[in-house]
PDB file of all heavy atoms in Angstrom:
ATOM      1  N   LEU A   1       0.768  -1.178   0.052  1.00  0.00           N
ATOM      2  CA  LEU A   1       0.105   0.020   0.016  1.00  0.00           C
ATOM      3  C   LEU A   1       0.884   1.276  -0.002  1.00  0.00           C
ATOM      4  O   LEU A   1       1.830   1.329   0.725  1.00  0.00           O
ATOM      5  CB  LEU A   1      -0.903   0.057   1.335  1.00  0.00           C
ATOM      6  CG  LEU A   1      -2.012  -1.088   1.300  1.00  0.00           C
ATOM      7  CD1 LEU A   1      -2.669  -0.939   2.679  1.00  0.00           C
ATOM      8  CD2 LEU A   1      -3.007  -0.860   0.197  1.00  0.00           C
ATOM      9  N   ALA A   2       0.408   2.179  -0.853  1.00  0.00           N
ATOM     10  CA  ALA A   2       1.083   3.632  -0.710  1.00  0.00           C
ATOM     11  C   ALA A   2       0.610   4.104   0.492  1.00  0.00           C
ATOM     12  O   ALA A   2      -0.487   3.833   0.954  1.00  0.00           O
ATOM     13  CB  ALA A   2       0.665   4.306  -1.955  1.00  0.00           C
ATOM     14  N   PRO A   3       1.334   5.202   1.018  1.00  0.00           N
ATOM     15  CA  PRO A   3       0.810   5.771   2.277  1.00  0.00           C
ATOM     16  C   PRO A   3      -0.579   6.337   2.169  1.00  0.00           C
ATOM     17  O   PRO A   3      -1.423   6.324   3.047  1.00  0.00           O
ATOM     18  CB  PRO A   3       2.002   6.944   2.502  1.00  0.00           C
ATOM     19  CG  PRO A   3       3.146   6.399   1.904  1.00  0.00           C
ATOM     20  CD  PRO A   3       2.731   5.551   0.645  1.00  0.00           C
ATOM     21  N   GLU A   4      -0.871   7.008   1.066  1.00  0.00           N
ATOM     22  CA  GLU A   4      -2.212   7.721   0.927  1.00  0.00           C
ATOM     23  C   GLU A   4      -3.307   6.593   0.743  1.00  0.00           C
ATOM     24  O   GLU A   4      -4.394   6.846   1.211  1.00  0.00           O
ATOM     25  CB  GLU A   4      -2.158   8.605  -0.374  1.00  0.00           C
ATOM     26  CG  GLU A   4      -1.861   8.046  -1.618  1.00  0.00           C
ATOM     27  CD  GLU A   4      -0.369   7.942  -1.949  1.00  0.00           C
ATOM     28  OE1 GLU A   4       0.430   8.202  -0.958  1.00  0.00           O
ATOM     29  OE2 GLU A   4      -0.004   7.750  -3.044  1.00  0.00           O
ATOM     30  N   GLN A   5      -2.914   5.361   0.204  1.00  0.00           N
ATOM     31  CA  GLN A   5      -3.857   4.216   0.111  1.00  0.00           C
ATOM     32  C   GLN A   5      -4.156   3.708   1.554  1.00  0.00           C
ATOM     33  O   GLN A   5      -5.310   3.537   1.923  1.00  0.00           O
ATOM     34  CB  GLN A   5      -3.209   3.211  -0.813  1.00  0.00           C
ATOM     35  CG  GLN A   5      -3.331   3.612  -2.190  1.00  0.00           C
ATOM     36  CD  GLN A   5      -2.852   2.343  -3.098  1.00  0.00           C
ATOM     37  OE1 GLN A   5      -1.815   1.797  -2.664  1.00  0.00           O
ATOM     38  NE2 GLN A   5      -3.360   2.308  -4.228  1.00  0.00           N
ATOM     39  N   GLU A   6      -3.114   3.494   2.188  1.00  0.00           N
ATOM     40  CA  GLU A   6      -3.267   3.061   3.746  1.00  0.00           C
ATOM     41  C   GLU A   6      -4.066   3.927   4.527  1.00  0.00           C
ATOM     42  O   GLU A   6      -4.990   3.589   5.317  1.00  0.00           O
ATOM     43  CB  GLU A   6      -1.862   2.775   4.277  1.00  0.00           C
ATOM     44  CG  GLU A   6      -2.026   2.116   5.673  1.00  0.00           C
ATOM     45  CD  GLU A   6      -0.658   1.672   6.204  1.00  0.00           C
ATOM     46  OE1 GLU A   6       0.354   1.878   5.541  1.00  0.00           O
ATOM     47  OE2 GLU A   6      -0.597   1.240   7.371  1.00  0.00           O
ATOM     48  N   SER A   7      -3.847   5.296   4.380  1.00  0.00           N
ATOM     49  CA  SER A   7      -4.573   6.373   5.189  1.00  0.00           C
ATOM     50  C   SER A   7      -6.087   6.245   4.694  1.00  0.00           C
ATOM     51  O   SER A   7      -7.036   6.357   5.722  1.00  0.00           O
ATOM     52  CB  SER A   7      -3.962   7.736   4.911  1.00  0.00           C
ATOM     53  OG  SER A   7      -4.700   8.703   5.514  1.00  0.00           O
ATOM     54  N   ALA A   8      -6.402   6.194   3.414  1.00  0.00           N
ATOM     55  CA  ALA A   8      -7.788   6.070   3.022  1.00  0.00           C
ATOM     56  C   ALA A   8      -8.425   4.980   3.483  1.00  0.00           C
ATOM     57  O   ALA A   8      -9.643   5.040   3.942  1.00  0.00           O
ATOM     58  CB  ALA A   8      -7.775   6.199   1.499  1.00  0.00           C
ATOM     59  N   LEU A   9      -7.909   3.731   3.432  1.00  0.00           N
ATOM     60  CA  LEU A   9      -8.420   2.494   3.928  1.00  0.00           C
ATOM     61  C   LEU A   9      -8.688   2.586   5.351  1.00  0.00           C
ATOM     62  O   LEU A   9      -9.647   2.129   5.866  1.00  0.00           O
ATOM     63  CB  LEU A   9      -7.569   1.331   3.529  1.00  0.00           C
ATOM     64  CG  LEU A   9      -7.478   1.000   2.080  1.00  0.00           C
ATOM     65  CD1 LEU A   9      -6.497  -0.244   1.778  1.00  0.00           C
ATOM     66  CD2 LEU A   9      -8.844   0.624   1.453  1.00  0.00           C
ATOM     67  N   ALA A  10      -7.762   3.094   6.108  1.00  0.00           N
ATOM     68  CA  ALA A  10      -7.901   3.291   7.476  1.00  0.00           C
ATOM     69  C   ALA A  10      -9.113   4.127   7.978  1.00  0.00           C
ATOM     70  O   ALA A  10      -9.890   3.840   8.769  1.00  0.00           O
ATOM     71  CB  ALA A  10      -6.658   3.797   8.167  1.00  0.00           C
ATOM     72  N   LEU A  11      -9.345   5.260   7.171  1.00  0.00           N
ATOM     73  CA  LEU A  11     -10.485   6.178   7.422  1.00  0.00           C
ATOM     74  C   LEU A  11     -11.727   5.509   6.993  1.00  0.00           C
ATOM     75  O   LEU A  11     -12.727   5.724   7.698  1.00  0.00           O
ATOM     76  CB  LEU A  11     -10.142   7.448   6.752  1.00  0.00           C
ATOM     77  CG  LEU A  11      -9.025   8.424   7.182  1.00  0.00           C
ATOM     78  CD1 LEU A  11      -8.803   9.500   6.223  1.00  0.00           C
ATOM     79  CD2 LEU A  11      -9.484   8.868   8.617  1.00  0.00           C
ATOM     80  N   ALA A  12     -11.734   4.694   6.012  1.00  0.00           N
ATOM     81  CA  ALA A  12     -12.960   3.904   5.625  1.00  0.00           C
ATOM     82  C   ALA A  12     -13.244   3.014   6.755  1.00  0.00           C
ATOM     83  O   ALA A  12     -14.441   2.801   7.052  1.00  0.00           O
ATOM     84  CB  ALA A  12     -12.693   3.154   4.334  1.00  0.00           C
ATOM     85  N   LEU A  13     -12.409   2.213   7.244  1.00  0.00           N
ATOM     86  CA  LEU A  13     -12.612   1.257   8.424  1.00  0.00           C
ATOM     87  C   LEU A  13     -13.203   2.109   9.536  1.00  0.00           C
ATOM     88  O   LEU A  13     -14.108   1.676  10.161  1.00  0.00           O
ATOM     89  CB  LEU A  13     -11.385   0.675   8.853  1.00  0.00           C
ATOM     90  CG  LEU A  13     -10.984  -0.705   8.142  1.00  0.00           C
ATOM     91  CD1 LEU A  13      -9.541  -1.109   8.480  1.00  0.00           C
ATOM     92  CD2 LEU A  13     -12.025  -1.735   8.602  1.00  0.00           C
ATOM     93  N   ARG A  14     -12.552   3.290   9.917  1.00  0.00           N
ATOM     94  CA  ARG A  14     -12.990   4.132  10.980  1.00  0.00           C
ATOM     95  C   ARG A  14     -14.488   4.555  10.763  1.00  0.00           C
ATOM     96  O   ARG A  14     -15.293   4.562  11.751  1.00  0.00           O
ATOM     97  CB  ARG A  14     -12.097   5.248  11.185  1.00  0.00           C
ATOM     98  CG  ARG A  14     -12.511   6.304  12.157  1.00  0.00           C
ATOM     99  CD  ARG A  14     -11.533   7.428  12.372  1.00  0.00           C
ATOM    100  NE  ARG A  14     -10.420   7.165  13.028  1.00  0.00           N
ATOM    101  CZ  ARG A  14      -9.847   7.614  13.988  1.00  0.00           C
ATOM    102  NH1 ARG A  14     -10.621   8.483  14.711  1.00  0.00           N
ATOM    103  NH2 ARG A  14      -8.788   7.187  14.631  1.00  0.00           N
ATOM    104  N   GLU A  15     -14.784   4.974   9.533  1.00  0.00           N
ATOM    105  CA  GLU A  15     -16.108   5.564   9.318  1.00  0.00           C
ATOM    106  C   GLU A  15     -17.139   4.312   9.476  1.00  0.00           C
ATOM    107  O   GLU A  15     -18.263   4.552   9.969  1.00  0.00           O
ATOM    108  CB  GLU A  15     -16.137   6.152   8.003  1.00  0.00           C
ATOM    109  CG  GLU A  15     -17.569   6.682   7.599  1.00  0.00           C
ATOM    110  CD  GLU A  15     -18.074   7.790   8.390  1.00  0.00           C
ATOM    111  OE1 GLU A  15     -17.410   8.460   9.171  1.00  0.00           O
ATOM    112  OE2 GLU A  15     -19.401   7.925   8.556  1.00  0.00           O
ATOM    113  N   SER A  16     -16.858   3.252   8.859  1.00  0.00           N
ATOM    114  CA  SER A  16     -17.758   2.010   8.969  1.00  0.00           C
ATOM    115  C   SER A  16     -17.986   1.783  10.397  1.00  0.00           C
ATOM    116  O   SER A  16     -19.162   1.364  10.821  1.00  0.00           O
ATOM    117  CB  SER A  16     -17.224   0.936   8.122  1.00  0.00           C
ATOM    118  OG  SER A  16     -16.008   0.448   8.842  1.00  0.00           O
ATOM    119  N   ALA A  17     -16.911   1.630  11.361  1.00  0.00           N
ATOM    120  CA  ALA A  17     -17.091   1.345  12.651  1.00  0.00           C
ATOM    121  C   ALA A  17     -17.980   2.443  13.311  1.00  0.00           C
ATOM    122  O   ALA A  17     -18.834   2.031  14.265  1.00  0.00           O
ATOM    123  CB  ALA A  17     -15.809   1.328  13.328  1.00  0.00           C
ATOM    124  N   THR A  18     -17.799   3.656  13.149  1.00  0.00           N
ATOM    125  CA  THR A  18     -18.581   4.714  13.612  1.00  0.00           C
ATOM    126  C   THR A  18     -20.115   4.522  13.309  1.00  0.00           C
ATOM    127  O   THR A  18     -20.955   4.647  14.204  1.00  0.00           O
ATOM    128  CB  THR A  18     -18.118   6.039  13.208  1.00  0.00           C
ATOM    129  OG1 THR A  18     -16.801   6.219  13.461  1.00  0.00           O
ATOM    130  CG2 THR A  18     -18.957   7.295  13.790  1.00  0.00           C
ATOM    131  N   ASN A  19     -20.383   4.304  11.991  1.00  0.00           N
ATOM    132  CA  ASN A  19     -21.749   3.936  11.530  1.00  0.00           C
ATOM    133  C   ASN A  19     -22.376   2.747  12.435  1.00  0.00           C
ATOM    134  O   ASN A  19     -23.492   2.728  12.647  1.00  0.00           O
ATOM    135  CB  ASN A  19     -21.768   3.715  10.179  1.00  0.00           C
ATOM    136  CG  ASN A  19     -21.582   5.150   9.385  1.00  0.00           C
ATOM    137  OD1 ASN A  19     -21.689   6.138   9.876  1.00  0.00           O
ATOM    138  ND2 ASN A  19     -21.156   4.946   8.058  1.00  0.00           N
ATOM    139  N   VAL A  20     -21.597   1.712  12.589  1.00  0.00           N
ATOM    140  CA  VAL A  20     -21.989   0.480  13.184  1.00  0.00           C
ATOM    141  C   VAL A  20     -22.343   0.912  14.691  1.00  0.00           C
ATOM    142  O   VAL A  20     -23.477   0.477  15.206  1.00  0.00           O
ATOM    143  CB  VAL A  20     -21.045  -0.655  13.275  1.00  0.00           C
ATOM    144  CG1 VAL A  20     -21.286  -1.719  14.280  1.00  0.00           C
ATOM    145  CG2 VAL A  20     -20.781  -1.161  11.890  1.00  0.00           C
ATOM    146  N   LEU A  21     -21.659   1.730  15.308  1.00  0.00           N
ATOM    147  CA  LEU A  21     -21.981   2.146  16.633  1.00  0.00           C
ATOM    148  C   LEU A  21     -23.152   3.049  16.818  1.00  0.00           C
ATOM    149  O   LEU A  21     -23.988   2.928  17.717  1.00  0.00           O
ATOM    150  CB  LEU A  21     -20.808   2.960  17.232  1.00  0.00           C
ATOM    151  CG  LEU A  21     -19.475   1.991  17.667  1.00  0.00           C
ATOM    152  CD1 LEU A  21     -18.313   2.919  17.962  1.00  0.00           C
ATOM    153  CD2 LEU A  21     -19.692   1.051  18.802  1.00  0.00           C
ATOM    154  N   ARG A  22     -23.232   3.869  15.749  1.00  0.00           N
ATOM    155  CA  ARG A  22     -24.378   4.869  15.820  1.00  0.00           C
ATOM    156  C   ARG A  22     -25.752   4.383  15.328  1.00  0.00           C
ATOM    157  O   ARG A  22     -26.757   4.716  15.847  1.00  0.00           O
ATOM    158  CB  ARG A  22     -24.069   6.048  15.055  1.00  0.00           C
ATOM    159  CG  ARG A  22     -23.005   6.928  15.615  1.00  0.00           C
ATOM    160  CD  ARG A  22     -22.673   8.140  14.663  1.00  0.00           C
ATOM    161  NE  ARG A  22     -21.721   9.104  15.287  1.00  0.00           N
ATOM    162  CZ  ARG A  22     -21.187  10.157  14.636  1.00  0.00           C
ATOM    163  NH1 ARG A  22     -21.565  10.410  13.315  1.00  0.00           N
ATOM    164  NH2 ARG A  22     -20.423  10.976  15.274  1.00  0.00           N
ATOM    165  N   HIS A  23     -25.692   3.491  14.204  1.00  0.00           N
ATOM    166  CA  HIS A  23     -27.049   3.366  13.556  1.00  0.00           C
ATOM    167  C   HIS A  23     -27.276   1.922  13.327  1.00  0.00           C
ATOM    168  O   HIS A  23     -28.555   1.539  13.281  1.00  0.00           O
ATOM    169  CB  HIS A  23     -26.863   3.865  12.179  1.00  0.00           C
ATOM    170  CG  HIS A  23     -26.248   5.302  12.186  1.00  0.00           C
ATOM    171  ND1 HIS A  23     -26.968   6.431  12.609  1.00  0.00           N
ATOM    172  CD2 HIS A  23     -25.238   5.814  11.533  1.00  0.00           C
ATOM    173  CE1 HIS A  23     -26.374   7.482  12.558  1.00  0.00           C
ATOM    174  NE2 HIS A  23     -25.152   7.288  11.765  1.00  0.00           N
ATOM    175  N   SER A  24     -26.314   0.903  13.274  1.00  0.00           N
ATOM    176  CA  SER A  24     -26.730  -0.354  12.748  1.00  0.00           C
ATOM    177  C   SER A  24     -27.440  -1.339  13.718  1.00  0.00           C
ATOM    178  O   SER A  24     -28.240  -2.075  13.237  1.00  0.00           O
ATOM    179  CB  SER A  24     -25.446  -1.027  12.187  1.00  0.00           C
ATOM    180  OG  SER A  24     -24.608  -1.504  13.301  1.00  0.00           O
ATOM    181  N   GLY A  25     -27.051  -1.184  14.956  1.00  0.00           N
ATOM    182  CA  GLY A  25     -27.566  -2.172  15.875  1.00  0.00           C
ATOM    183  C   GLY A  25     -27.023  -3.525  15.637  1.00  0.00           C
ATOM    184  O   GLY A  25     -27.626  -4.652  16.079  1.00  0.00           O
ATOM    185  N   ALA A  26     -25.759  -3.613  15.129  1.00  0.00           N
ATOM    186  CA  ALA A  26     -25.169  -4.866  14.764  1.00  0.00           C
ATOM    187  C   ALA A  26     -24.503  -5.524  15.960  1.00  0.00           C
ATOM    188  O   ALA A  26     -24.184  -4.855  16.974  1.00  0.00           O
ATOM    189  CB  ALA A  26     -24.120  -4.731  13.659  1.00  0.00           C
ATOM    190  N   THR A  27     -24.276  -6.845  15.957  1.00  0.00           N
ATOM    191  CA  THR A  27     -23.578  -7.516  16.946  1.00  0.00           C
ATOM    192  C   THR A  27     -22.285  -8.136  16.478  1.00  0.00           C
ATOM    193  O   THR A  27     -21.477  -8.579  17.152  1.00  0.00           O
ATOM    194  CB  THR A  27     -24.354  -8.627  17.576  1.00  0.00           C
ATOM    195  OG1 THR A  27     -24.778  -9.627  16.464  1.00  0.00           O
ATOM    196  CG2 THR A  27     -25.773  -8.170  18.210  1.00  0.00           C
ATOM    197  N   GLN A  28     -22.065  -8.164  15.075  1.00  0.00           N
ATOM    198  CA  GLN A  28     -20.912  -8.633  14.564  1.00  0.00           C
ATOM    199  C   GLN A  28     -20.459  -7.884  13.445  1.00  0.00           C
ATOM    200  O   GLN A  28     -21.255  -7.449  12.575  1.00  0.00           O
ATOM    201  CB  GLN A  28     -21.204 -10.168  14.096  1.00  0.00           C
ATOM    202  CG  GLN A  28     -21.316 -11.119  15.171  1.00  0.00           C
ATOM    203  CD  GLN A  28     -19.998 -11.393  15.890  1.00  0.00           C
ATOM    204  OE1 GLN A  28     -19.005 -11.436  15.409  1.00  0.00           O
ATOM    205  NE2 GLN A  28     -20.270 -11.825  17.189  1.00  0.00           N
ATOM    206  N   VAL A  29     -19.180  -7.601  13.190  1.00  0.00           N
ATOM    207  CA  VAL A  29     -18.548  -6.848  12.212  1.00  0.00           C
ATOM    208  C   VAL A  29     -17.348  -7.684  11.595  1.00  0.00           C
ATOM    209  O   VAL A  29     -16.545  -8.224  12.389  1.00  0.00           O
ATOM    210  CB  VAL A  29     -18.089  -5.453  12.643  1.00  0.00           C
ATOM    211  CG1 VAL A  29     -17.264  -4.678  11.598  1.00  0.00           C
ATOM    212  CG2 VAL A  29     -19.250  -4.702  13.088  1.00  0.00           C
ATOM    213  N   ARG A  30     -17.375  -7.777  10.317  1.00  0.00           N
ATOM    214  CA  ARG A  30     -16.266  -8.486   9.571  1.00  0.00           C
ATOM    215  C   ARG A  30     -15.558  -7.531   8.609  1.00  0.00           C
ATOM    216  O   ARG A  30     -16.222  -6.982   7.934  1.00  0.00           O
ATOM    217  CB  ARG A  30     -16.665  -9.756   8.908  1.00  0.00           C
ATOM    218  CG  ARG A  30     -17.192 -10.897   9.881  1.00  0.00           C
ATOM    219  CD  ARG A  30     -17.650 -12.169   9.237  1.00  0.00           C
ATOM    220  NE  ARG A  30     -17.946 -13.158  10.051  1.00  0.00           N
ATOM    221  CZ  ARG A  30     -17.005 -14.090  10.520  1.00  0.00           C
ATOM    222  NH1 ARG A  30     -15.742 -13.964  10.202  1.00  0.00           N
ATOM    223  NH2 ARG A  30     -17.448 -15.015  11.462  1.00  0.00           N
ATOM    224  N   ALA A  31     -14.309  -7.563   8.650  1.00  0.00           N
ATOM    225  CA  ALA A  31     -13.505  -6.846   7.699  1.00  0.00           C
ATOM    226  C   ALA A  31     -12.480  -7.720   7.033  1.00  0.00           C
ATOM    227  O   ALA A  31     -11.883  -8.577   7.592  1.00  0.00           O
ATOM    228  CB  ALA A  31     -12.897  -5.581   8.342  1.00  0.00           C
ATOM    229  N   ALA A  32     -12.235  -7.382   5.675  1.00  0.00           N
ATOM    230  CA  ALA A  32     -11.156  -8.306   4.998  1.00  0.00           C
ATOM    231  C   ALA A  32     -10.581  -7.401   3.991  1.00  0.00           C
ATOM    232  O   ALA A  32     -11.228  -6.589   3.201  1.00  0.00           O
ATOM    233  CB  ALA A  32     -11.894  -9.511   4.237  1.00  0.00           C
ATOM    234  N   LEU A  33      -9.291  -7.563   3.940  1.00  0.00           N
ATOM    235  CA  LEU A  33      -8.335  -6.727   3.061  1.00  0.00           C
ATOM    236  C   LEU A  33      -7.616  -7.836   2.269  1.00  0.00           C
ATOM    237  O   LEU A  33      -6.861  -8.620   2.828  1.00  0.00           O
ATOM    238  CB  LEU A  33      -7.516  -5.853   3.711  1.00  0.00           C
ATOM    239  CG  LEU A  33      -6.414  -5.027   2.789  1.00  0.00           C
ATOM    240  CD1 LEU A  33      -7.260  -3.958   1.988  1.00  0.00           C
ATOM    241  CD2 LEU A  33      -5.379  -4.288   3.650  1.00  0.00           C
ATOM    242  N   ARG A  34      -7.683  -7.836   0.947  1.00  0.00           N
ATOM    243  CA  ARG A  34      -6.954  -8.877   0.051  1.00  0.00           C
ATOM    244  C   ARG A  34      -6.707  -8.159  -1.265  1.00  0.00           C
ATOM    245  O   ARG A  34      -7.246  -7.128  -1.620  1.00  0.00           O
ATOM    246  CB  ARG A  34      -7.959 -10.135  -0.060  1.00  0.00           C
ATOM    247  CG  ARG A  34      -9.252  -9.678  -0.706  1.00  0.00           C
ATOM    248  CD  ARG A  34     -10.163 -10.947  -0.683  1.00  0.00           C
ATOM    249  NE  ARG A  34     -11.386 -10.788  -1.399  1.00  0.00           N
ATOM    250  CZ  ARG A  34     -12.528  -9.936  -0.867  1.00  0.00           C
ATOM    251  NH1 ARG A  34     -12.409  -9.539   0.454  1.00  0.00           N
ATOM    252  NH2 ARG A  34     -13.593  -9.791  -1.456  1.00  0.00           N
ATOM    253  N   ALA A  35      -5.836  -9.012  -2.044  1.00  0.00           N
ATOM    254  CA  ALA A  35      -5.669  -8.540  -3.424  1.00  0.00           C
ATOM    255  C   ALA A  35      -6.484  -9.490  -4.310  1.00  0.00           C
ATOM    256  O   ALA A  35      -6.527 -10.636  -4.255  1.00  0.00           O
ATOM    257  CB  ALA A  35      -4.117  -8.789  -3.815  1.00  0.00           C
ATOM    258  N   GLU A  36      -7.156  -8.756  -5.310  1.00  0.00           N
ATOM    259  CA  GLU A  36      -7.979  -9.451  -6.295  1.00  0.00           C
ATOM    260  C   GLU A  36      -7.398  -8.924  -7.675  1.00  0.00           C
ATOM    261  O   GLU A  36      -7.809  -7.880  -8.127  1.00  0.00           O
ATOM    262  CB  GLU A  36      -9.406  -9.151  -6.257  1.00  0.00           C
ATOM    263  CG  GLU A  36      -9.941  -9.913  -4.953  1.00  0.00           C
ATOM    264  CD  GLU A  36     -11.492  -9.529  -4.989  1.00  0.00           C
ATOM    265  OE1 GLU A  36     -12.041  -8.987  -5.976  1.00  0.00           O
ATOM    266  OE2 GLU A  36     -12.120 -10.083  -3.959  1.00  0.00           O
ATOM    267  N   GLY A  37      -6.551  -9.776  -8.357  1.00  0.00           N
ATOM    268  CA  GLY A  37      -6.019  -9.347  -9.735  1.00  0.00           C
ATOM    269  C   GLY A  37      -5.191  -8.132  -9.562  1.00  0.00           C
ATOM    270  O   GLY A  37      -4.090  -8.117  -8.751  1.00  0.00           O
TER     271      GLY A  37
END
């Protein structure tokens, strides 16, 4: 990952976790980072 890519992915994770806490009512969260082609 380039530094700007890593930063963008980290912020995406953070925003998704914030939405889970605020709105979703979820009990489980899964995240996966992988290479596809």
